[in-house]
Every structure is written in C-alpha cells, then in structure tokens.
Amino acid sequence: PNRHDLGRVFNEVPELYDRVRPGYPDELF
C-alpha cells in the first residue's frame, strides 16, 4: 500500500479512523 493511498482511504471514513486509531499518551506531550 502507498501511504498516499492510505491517506485517501482514511479521509473517506474519518469517524471510523478516529475510533480505531490509538491515542497518544500524556507522557509524549
């Protein structure tokens, strides 16, 4: 998969992408 193609796919389903993508730990910030 091309990373640019994946970006387009994520853009087509933003709510799903947001729901399944892990968040960032507070320690990172």
PDB file of all heavy atoms in Angstrom:
ATOM      1  N   PRO A   1       0.827  -1.203   0.000  1.00  0.00           N
ATOM      2  CA  PRO A   1       0.000   0.000   0.000  1.00  0.00           C
ATOM      3  C   PRO A   1       0.863   1.255   0.000  1.00  0.00           C
ATOM      4  O   PRO A   1       1.878   1.325   0.680  1.00  0.00           O
ATOM      5  CB  PRO A   1      -0.810  -0.102   1.295  1.00  0.00           C
ATOM      6  CG  PRO A   1      -0.144  -1.131   2.119  1.00  0.00           C
ATOM      7  CD  PRO A   1       0.704  -1.977   1.217  1.00  0.00           C
ATOM      8  N   ASN A   2       0.479   2.224  -0.788  1.00  0.00           N
ATOM      9  CA  ASN A   2       1.138   3.515  -0.846  1.00  0.00           C
ATOM     10  C   ASN A   2       0.590   4.380   0.276  1.00  0.00           C
ATOM     11  O   ASN A   2      -0.609   4.439   0.480  1.00  0.00           O
ATOM     12  CB  ASN A   2       0.855   4.136  -2.219  1.00  0.00           C
ATOM     13  CG  ASN A   2       1.465   5.497  -2.394  1.00  0.00           C
ATOM     14  OD1 ASN A   2       1.235   6.404  -1.592  1.00  0.00           O
ATOM     15  ND2 ASN A   2       2.223   5.649  -3.466  1.00  0.00           N
ATOM     16  N   ARG A   3       1.455   5.078   1.033  1.00  0.00           N
ATOM     17  CA  ARG A   3       0.981   5.874   2.163  1.00  0.00           C
ATOM     18  C   ARG A   3       0.017   6.962   1.721  1.00  0.00           C
ATOM     19  O   ARG A   3      -0.876   7.333   2.453  1.00  0.00           O
ATOM     20  CB  ARG A   3       2.136   6.444   2.970  1.00  0.00           C
ATOM     21  CG  ARG A   3       2.943   7.492   2.277  1.00  0.00           C
ATOM     22  CD  ARG A   3       4.099   7.955   3.177  1.00  0.00           C
ATOM     23  NE  ARG A   3       4.912   8.919   2.501  1.00  0.00           N
ATOM     24  CZ  ARG A   3       4.748  10.226   2.593  1.00  0.00           C
ATOM     25  NH1 ARG A   3       3.812  10.706   3.357  1.00  0.00           N
ATOM     26  NH2 ARG A   3       5.530  11.048   1.946  1.00  0.00           N
ATOM     27  N   HIS A   4       0.173   7.466   0.495  1.00  0.00           N
ATOM     28  CA  HIS A   4      -0.760   8.479  -0.005  1.00  0.00           C
ATOM     29  C   HIS A   4      -2.129   7.863  -0.270  1.00  0.00           C
ATOM     30  O   HIS A   4      -3.158   8.498  -0.027  1.00  0.00           O
ATOM     31  CB  HIS A   4      -0.205   9.154  -1.249  1.00  0.00           C
ATOM     32  CG  HIS A   4       1.071   9.900  -0.980  1.00  0.00           C
ATOM     33  ND1 HIS A   4       1.118  11.047  -0.223  1.00  0.00           N
ATOM     34  CD2 HIS A   4       2.344   9.635  -1.344  1.00  0.00           C
ATOM     35  CE1 HIS A   4       2.360  11.473  -0.140  1.00  0.00           C
ATOM     36  NE2 HIS A   4       3.131  10.635  -0.805  1.00  0.00           N
ATOM     37  N   ASP A   5      -2.151   6.628  -0.760  1.00  0.00           N
ATOM     38  CA  ASP A   5      -3.421   5.929  -0.970  1.00  0.00           C
ATOM     39  C   ASP A   5      -4.128   5.689   0.359  1.00  0.00           C
ATOM     40  O   ASP A   5      -5.341   5.843   0.462  1.00  0.00           O
ATOM     41  CB  ASP A   5      -3.203   4.594  -1.692  1.00  0.00           C
ATOM     42  CG  ASP A   5      -2.750   4.781  -3.135  1.00  0.00           C
ATOM     43  OD1 ASP A   5      -2.988   5.868  -3.709  1.00  0.00           O
ATOM     44  OD2 ASP A   5      -2.140   3.842  -3.679  1.00  0.00           O
ATOM     45  N   LEU A   6      -3.369   5.302   1.397  1.00  0.00           N
ATOM     46  CA  LEU A   6      -3.960   5.080   2.713  1.00  0.00           C
ATOM     47  C   LEU A   6      -4.576   6.364   3.255  1.00  0.00           C
ATOM     48  O   LEU A   6      -5.646   6.352   3.847  1.00  0.00           O
ATOM     49  CB  LEU A   6      -2.917   4.539   3.691  1.00  0.00           C
ATOM     50  CG  LEU A   6      -2.493   3.093   3.484  1.00  0.00           C
ATOM     51  CD1 LEU A   6      -1.381   2.720   4.452  1.00  0.00           C
ATOM     52  CD2 LEU A   6      -3.665   2.154   3.653  1.00  0.00           C
ATOM     53  N   GLY A   7      -3.900   7.486   3.049  1.00  0.00           N
ATOM     54  CA  GLY A   7      -4.440   8.768   3.487  1.00  0.00           C
ATOM     55  C   GLY A   7      -5.777   9.063   2.852  1.00  0.00           C
ATOM     56  O   GLY A   7      -6.699   9.566   3.503  1.00  0.00           O
ATOM     57  N   ARG A   8      -5.929   8.730   1.587  1.00  0.00           N
ATOM     58  CA  ARG A   8      -7.219   8.948   0.904  1.00  0.00           C
ATOM     59  C   ARG A   8      -8.287   8.034   1.479  1.00  0.00           C
ATOM     60  O   ARG A   8      -9.435   8.445   1.654  1.00  0.00           O
ATOM     61  CB  ARG A   8      -7.061   8.741  -0.596  1.00  0.00           C
ATOM     62  CG  ARG A   8      -6.404   9.919  -1.295  1.00  0.00           C
ATOM     63  CD  ARG A   8      -6.515   9.800  -2.798  1.00  0.00           C
ATOM     64  NE  ARG A   8      -5.554   8.879  -3.358  1.00  0.00           N
ATOM     65  CZ  ARG A   8      -4.292   9.193  -3.649  1.00  0.00           C
ATOM     66  NH1 ARG A   8      -3.838  10.396  -3.403  1.00  0.00           N
ATOM     67  NH2 ARG A   8      -3.482   8.311  -4.174  1.00  0.00           N
ATOM     68  N   VAL A   9      -7.932   6.805   1.791  1.00  0.00           N
ATOM     69  CA  VAL A   9      -8.892   5.873   2.378  1.00  0.00           C
ATOM     70  C   VAL A   9      -9.332   6.374   3.746  1.00  0.00           C
ATOM     71  O   VAL A   9     -10.520   6.399   4.066  1.00  0.00           O
ATOM     72  CB  VAL A   9      -8.302   4.447   2.482  1.00  0.00           C
ATOM     73  CG1 VAL A   9      -9.185   3.546   3.316  1.00  0.00           C
ATOM     74  CG2 VAL A   9      -8.089   3.861   1.092  1.00  0.00           C
ATOM     75  N   PHE A  10      -8.381   6.804   4.576  1.00  0.00           N
ATOM     76  CA  PHE A  10      -8.723   7.323   5.902  1.00  0.00           C
ATOM     77  C   PHE A  10      -9.658   8.522   5.778  1.00  0.00           C
ATOM     78  O   PHE A  10     -10.576   8.691   6.573  1.00  0.00           O
ATOM     79  CB  PHE A  10      -7.477   7.726   6.676  1.00  0.00           C
ATOM     80  CG  PHE A  10      -6.540   6.590   6.985  1.00  0.00           C
ATOM     81  CD1 PHE A  10      -5.185   6.824   7.114  1.00  0.00           C
ATOM     82  CD2 PHE A  10      -6.996   5.287   7.142  1.00  0.00           C
ATOM     83  CE1 PHE A  10      -4.308   5.789   7.411  1.00  0.00           C
ATOM     84  CE2 PHE A  10      -6.133   4.243   7.437  1.00  0.00           C
ATOM     85  CZ  PHE A  10      -4.785   4.503   7.569  1.00  0.00           C
ATOM     86  N   ASN A  11      -9.436   9.365   4.789  1.00  0.00           N
ATOM     87  CA  ASN A  11     -10.264  10.546   4.597  1.00  0.00           C
ATOM     88  C   ASN A  11     -11.702  10.175   4.238  1.00  0.00           C
ATOM     89  O   ASN A  11     -12.624  10.920   4.541  1.00  0.00           O
ATOM     90  CB  ASN A  11      -9.677  11.459   3.514  1.00  0.00           C
ATOM     91  CG  ASN A  11     -10.398  12.776   3.431  1.00  0.00           C
ATOM     92  OD1 ASN A  11     -10.484  13.515   4.408  1.00  0.00           O
ATOM     93  ND2 ASN A  11     -10.954  13.065   2.277  1.00  0.00           N
ATOM     94  N   GLU A  12     -11.895   9.023   3.629  1.00  0.00           N
ATOM     95  CA  GLU A  12     -13.240   8.584   3.253  1.00  0.00           C
ATOM     96  C   GLU A  12     -14.047   8.073   4.442  1.00  0.00           C
ATOM     97  O   GLU A  12     -15.271   8.033   4.383  1.00  0.00           O
ATOM     98  CB  GLU A  12     -13.150   7.496   2.170  1.00  0.00           C
ATOM     99  CG  GLU A  12     -12.627   8.012   0.852  1.00  0.00           C
ATOM    100  CD  GLU A  12     -12.385   6.914  -0.160  1.00  0.00           C
ATOM    101  OE1 GLU A  12     -12.757   5.743   0.092  1.00  0.00           O
ATOM    102  OE2 GLU A  12     -11.797   7.222  -1.208  1.00  0.00           O
ATOM    103  N   VAL A  13     -13.374   7.675   5.506  1.00  0.00           N
ATOM    104  CA  VAL A  13     -14.048   7.150   6.703  1.00  0.00           C
ATOM    105  C   VAL A  13     -13.458   7.774   7.964  1.00  0.00           C
ATOM    106  O   VAL A  13     -12.950   7.072   8.838  1.00  0.00           O
ATOM    107  CB  VAL A  13     -13.968   5.601   6.749  1.00  0.00           C
ATOM    108  CG1 VAL A  13     -14.844   4.961   5.684  1.00  0.00           C
ATOM    109  CG2 VAL A  13     -12.521   5.124   6.617  1.00  0.00           C
ATOM    110  N   PRO A  14     -13.536   9.093   8.111  1.00  0.00           N
ATOM    111  CA  PRO A  14     -12.836   9.747   9.217  1.00  0.00           C
ATOM    112  C   PRO A  14     -13.314   9.323  10.604  1.00  0.00           C
ATOM    113  O   PRO A  14     -12.501   9.201  11.516  1.00  0.00           O
ATOM    114  CB  PRO A  14     -13.081  11.236   8.976  1.00  0.00           C
ATOM    115  CG  PRO A  14     -14.260  11.302   8.090  1.00  0.00           C
ATOM    116  CD  PRO A  14     -14.238  10.048   7.273  1.00  0.00           C
ATOM    117  N   GLU A  15     -14.614   9.088  10.772  1.00  0.00           N
ATOM    118  CA  GLU A  15     -15.108   8.685  12.097  1.00  0.00           C
ATOM    119  C   GLU A  15     -14.591   7.312  12.486  1.00  0.00           C
ATOM    120  O   GLU A  15     -14.197   7.083  13.626  1.00  0.00           O
ATOM    121  CB  GLU A  15     -16.646   8.706  12.145  1.00  0.00           C
ATOM    122  CG  GLU A  15     -17.252  10.095  12.093  1.00  0.00           C
ATOM    123  CD  GLU A  15     -17.417  10.621  10.665  1.00  0.00           C
ATOM    124  OE1 GLU A  15     -17.165   9.868   9.688  1.00  0.00           O
ATOM    125  OE2 GLU A  15     -17.777  11.797  10.519  1.00  0.00           O
ATOM    126  N   LEU A  16     -14.582   6.381  11.527  1.00  0.00           N
ATOM    127  CA  LEU A  16     -14.048   5.045  11.790  1.00  0.00           C
ATOM    128  C   LEU A  16     -12.554   5.128  12.099  1.00  0.00           C
ATOM    129  O   LEU A  16     -12.079   4.520  13.061  1.00  0.00           O
ATOM    130  CB  LEU A  16     -14.288   4.121  10.589  1.00  0.00           C
ATOM    131  CG  LEU A  16     -13.666   2.729  10.671  1.00  0.00           C
ATOM    132  CD1 LEU A  16     -14.235   1.952  11.856  1.00  0.00           C
ATOM    133  CD2 LEU A  16     -13.882   1.978   9.363  1.00  0.00           C
ATOM    134  N   TYR A  17     -11.828   5.876  11.295  1.00  0.00           N
ATOM    135  CA  TYR A  17     -10.391   6.049  11.523  1.00  0.00           C
ATOM    136  C   TYR A  17     -10.142   6.602  12.926  1.00  0.00           C
ATOM    137  O   TYR A  17      -9.282   6.106  13.663  1.00  0.00           O
ATOM    138  CB  TYR A  17      -9.809   6.979  10.464  1.00  0.00           C
ATOM    139  CG  TYR A  17      -8.382   7.383  10.707  1.00  0.00           C
ATOM    140  CD1 TYR A  17      -7.347   6.476  10.533  1.00  0.00           C
ATOM    141  CD2 TYR A  17      -8.068   8.670  11.112  1.00  0.00           C
ATOM    142  CE1 TYR A  17      -6.030   6.843  10.767  1.00  0.00           C
ATOM    143  CE2 TYR A  17      -6.751   9.048  11.342  1.00  0.00           C
ATOM    144  CZ  TYR A  17      -5.742   8.138  11.165  1.00  0.00           C
ATOM    145  OH  TYR A  17      -4.447   8.498  11.397  1.00  0.00           O
ATOM    146  N   ASP A  18     -10.905   7.605  13.312  1.00  0.00           N
ATOM    147  CA  ASP A  18     -10.741   8.221  14.625  1.00  0.00           C
ATOM    148  C   ASP A  18     -11.050   7.234  15.749  1.00  0.00           C
ATOM    149  O   ASP A  18     -10.364   7.202  16.761  1.00  0.00           O
ATOM    150  CB  ASP A  18     -11.646   9.444  14.740  1.00  0.00           C
ATOM    151  CG  ASP A  18     -11.413  10.219  16.011  1.00  0.00           C
ATOM    152  OD1 ASP A  18     -10.260  10.624  16.262  1.00  0.00           O
ATOM    153  OD2 ASP A  18     -12.379  10.419  16.763  1.00  0.00           O
ATOM    154  N   ARG A  19     -12.055   6.417  15.547  1.00  0.00           N
ATOM    155  CA  ARG A  19     -12.489   5.479  16.581  1.00  0.00           C
ATOM    156  C   ARG A  19     -11.468   4.372  16.823  1.00  0.00           C
ATOM    157  O   ARG A  19     -11.253   3.949  17.946  1.00  0.00           O
ATOM    158  CB  ARG A  19     -13.855   4.889  16.203  1.00  0.00           C
ATOM    159  CG  ARG A  19     -14.516   4.109  17.316  1.00  0.00           C
ATOM    160  CD  ARG A  19     -15.962   3.735  17.023  1.00  0.00           C
ATOM    161  NE  ARG A  19     -16.119   2.966  15.789  1.00  0.00           N
ATOM    162  CZ  ARG A  19     -16.779   3.401  14.710  1.00  0.00           C
ATOM    163  NH1 ARG A  19     -17.337   4.583  14.691  1.00  0.00           N
ATOM    164  NH2 ARG A  19     -16.885   2.638  13.642  1.00  0.00           N
ATOM    165  N   VAL A  20     -10.809   3.893  15.769  1.00  0.00           N
ATOM    166  CA  VAL A  20      -9.912   2.744  15.913  1.00  0.00           C
ATOM    167  C   VAL A  20      -8.447   3.131  16.072  1.00  0.00           C
ATOM    168  O   VAL A  20      -7.635   2.300  16.476  1.00  0.00           O
ATOM    169  CB  VAL A  20     -10.062   1.743  14.740  1.00  0.00           C
ATOM    170  CG1 VAL A  20     -11.481   1.208  14.668  1.00  0.00           C
ATOM    171  CG2 VAL A  20      -9.636   2.350  13.424  1.00  0.00           C
ATOM    172  N   ARG A  21      -8.111   4.371  15.795  1.00  0.00           N
ATOM    173  CA  ARG A  21      -6.718   4.795  15.915  1.00  0.00           C
ATOM    174  C   ARG A  21      -6.381   5.009  17.386  1.00  0.00           C
ATOM    175  O   ARG A  21      -7.076   5.714  18.089  1.00  0.00           O
ATOM    176  CB  ARG A  21      -6.494   6.103  15.162  1.00  0.00           C
ATOM    177  CG  ARG A  21      -5.026   6.451  15.074  1.00  0.00           C
ATOM    178  CD  ARG A  21      -4.833   7.785  14.396  1.00  0.00           C
ATOM    179  NE  ARG A  21      -3.480   8.064  14.033  1.00  0.00           N
ATOM    180  CZ  ARG A  21      -2.438   8.106  14.851  1.00  0.00           C
ATOM    181  NH1 ARG A  21      -2.588   7.846  16.107  1.00  0.00           N
ATOM    182  NH2 ARG A  21      -1.236   8.396  14.425  1.00  0.00           N
ATOM    183  N   PRO A  22      -5.285   4.424  17.848  1.00  0.00           N
ATOM    184  CA  PRO A  22      -4.905   4.632  19.247  1.00  0.00           C
ATOM    185  C   PRO A  22      -4.533   6.090  19.502  1.00  0.00           C
ATOM    186  O   PRO A  22      -4.018   6.774  18.619  1.00  0.00           O
ATOM    187  CB  PRO A  22      -3.690   3.727  19.447  1.00  0.00           C
ATOM    188  CG  PRO A  22      -3.399   3.083  18.155  1.00  0.00           C
ATOM    189  CD  PRO A  22      -4.377   3.540  17.137  1.00  0.00           C
ATOM    190  N   GLY A  23      -4.797   6.554  20.707  1.00  0.00           N
ATOM    191  CA  GLY A  23      -4.450   7.915  21.093  1.00  0.00           C
ATOM    192  C   GLY A  23      -2.987   8.012  21.501  1.00  0.00           C
ATOM    193  O   GLY A  23      -2.247   7.022  21.486  1.00  0.00           O
ATOM    194  N   TYR A  24      -2.580   9.200  21.861  1.00  0.00           N
ATOM    195  CA  TYR A  24      -1.218   9.451  22.286  1.00  0.00           C
ATOM    196  C   TYR A  24      -1.164   9.524  23.811  1.00  0.00           C
ATOM    197  O   TYR A  24      -2.033  10.132  24.426  1.00  0.00           O
ATOM    198  CB  TYR A  24      -0.705  10.770  21.705  1.00  0.00           C
ATOM    199  CG  TYR A  24      -0.678  10.791  20.200  1.00  0.00           C
ATOM    200  CD1 TYR A  24      -1.665  11.445  19.480  1.00  0.00           C
ATOM    201  CD2 TYR A  24       0.338  10.151  19.500  1.00  0.00           C
ATOM    202  CE1 TYR A  24      -1.636  11.467  18.093  1.00  0.00           C
ATOM    203  CE2 TYR A  24       0.374  10.163  18.112  1.00  0.00           C
ATOM    204  CZ  TYR A  24      -0.623  10.831  17.418  1.00  0.00           C
ATOM    205  OH  TYR A  24      -0.587  10.849  16.049  1.00  0.00           O
ATOM    206  N   PRO A  25      -0.143   8.950  24.420  1.00  0.00           N
ATOM    207  CA  PRO A  25      -0.033   9.025  25.890  1.00  0.00           C
ATOM    208  C   PRO A  25       0.328  10.447  26.333  1.00  0.00           C
ATOM    209  O   PRO A  25       1.043  11.166  25.640  1.00  0.00           O
ATOM    210  CB  PRO A  25       1.094   8.042  26.216  1.00  0.00           C
ATOM    211  CG  PRO A  25       1.894   7.929  24.965  1.00  0.00           C
ATOM    212  CD  PRO A  25       0.942   8.171  23.823  1.00  0.00           C
ATOM    213  N   ASP A  26      -0.174  10.840  27.488  1.00  0.00           N
ATOM    214  CA  ASP A  26       0.109  12.167  28.041  1.00  0.00           C
ATOM    215  C   ASP A  26       1.609  12.407  28.200  1.00  0.00           C
ATOM    216  O   ASP A  26       2.090  13.532  28.043  1.00  0.00           O
ATOM    217  CB  ASP A  26      -0.586  12.343  29.393  1.00  0.00           C
ATOM    218  CG  ASP A  26      -2.100  12.385  29.264  1.00  0.00           C
ATOM    219  OD1 ASP A  26      -2.602  12.715  28.167  1.00  0.00           O
ATOM    220  OD2 ASP A  26      -2.780  12.088  30.264  1.00  0.00           O
ATOM    221  N   GLU A  27       2.351  11.351  28.502  1.00  0.00           N
ATOM    222  CA  GLU A  27       3.796  11.464  28.684  1.00  0.00           C
ATOM    223  C   GLU A  27       4.490  11.975  27.419  1.00  0.00           C
ATOM    224  O   GLU A  27       5.522  12.644  27.503  1.00  0.00           O
ATOM    225  CB  GLU A  27       4.409  10.113  29.099  1.00  0.00           C
ATOM    226  CG  GLU A  27       3.938   9.601  30.435  1.00  0.00           C
ATOM    227  CD  GLU A  27       2.589   8.882  30.376  1.00  0.00           C
ATOM    228  OE1 GLU A  27       2.087   8.597  29.266  1.00  0.00           O
ATOM    229  OE2 GLU A  27       2.028   8.629  31.453  1.00  0.00           O
ATOM    230  N   LEU A  28       3.925  11.661  26.253  1.00  0.00           N
ATOM    231  CA  LEU A  28       4.506  12.130  24.995  1.00  0.00           C
ATOM    232  C   LEU A  28       4.560  13.652  24.974  1.00  0.00           C
ATOM    233  O   LEU A  28       5.567  14.247  24.585  1.00  0.00           O
ATOM    234  CB  LEU A  28       3.696  11.612  23.811  1.00  0.00           C
ATOM    235  CG  LEU A  28       4.090  12.182  22.451  1.00  0.00           C
ATOM    236  CD1 LEU A  28       5.451  11.662  22.031  1.00  0.00           C
ATOM    237  CD2 LEU A  28       3.051  11.831  21.415  1.00  0.00           C
ATOM    238  N   PHE A  29       3.486  14.294  25.420  1.00  0.00           N
ATOM    239  CA  PHE A  29       3.427  15.753  25.377  1.00  0.00           C
ATOM    240  C   PHE A  29       4.294  16.376  26.463  1.00  0.00           C
ATOM    241  O   PHE A  29       4.873  17.444  26.252  1.00  0.00           O
ATOM    242  CB  PHE A  29       1.972  16.213  25.437  1.00  0.00           C
ATOM    243  CG  PHE A  29       1.210  15.691  24.252  1.00  0.00           C
ATOM    244  CD1 PHE A  29       0.445  14.543  24.355  1.00  0.00           C
ATOM    245  CD2 PHE A  29       1.320  16.302  23.018  1.00  0.00           C
ATOM    246  CE1 PHE A  29      -0.219  14.032  23.249  1.00  0.00           C
ATOM    247  CE2 PHE A  29       0.672  15.795  21.904  1.00  0.00           C
ATOM    248  CZ  PHE A  29      -0.105  14.660  22.017  1.00  0.00           C
TER     249      PHE A  29
END
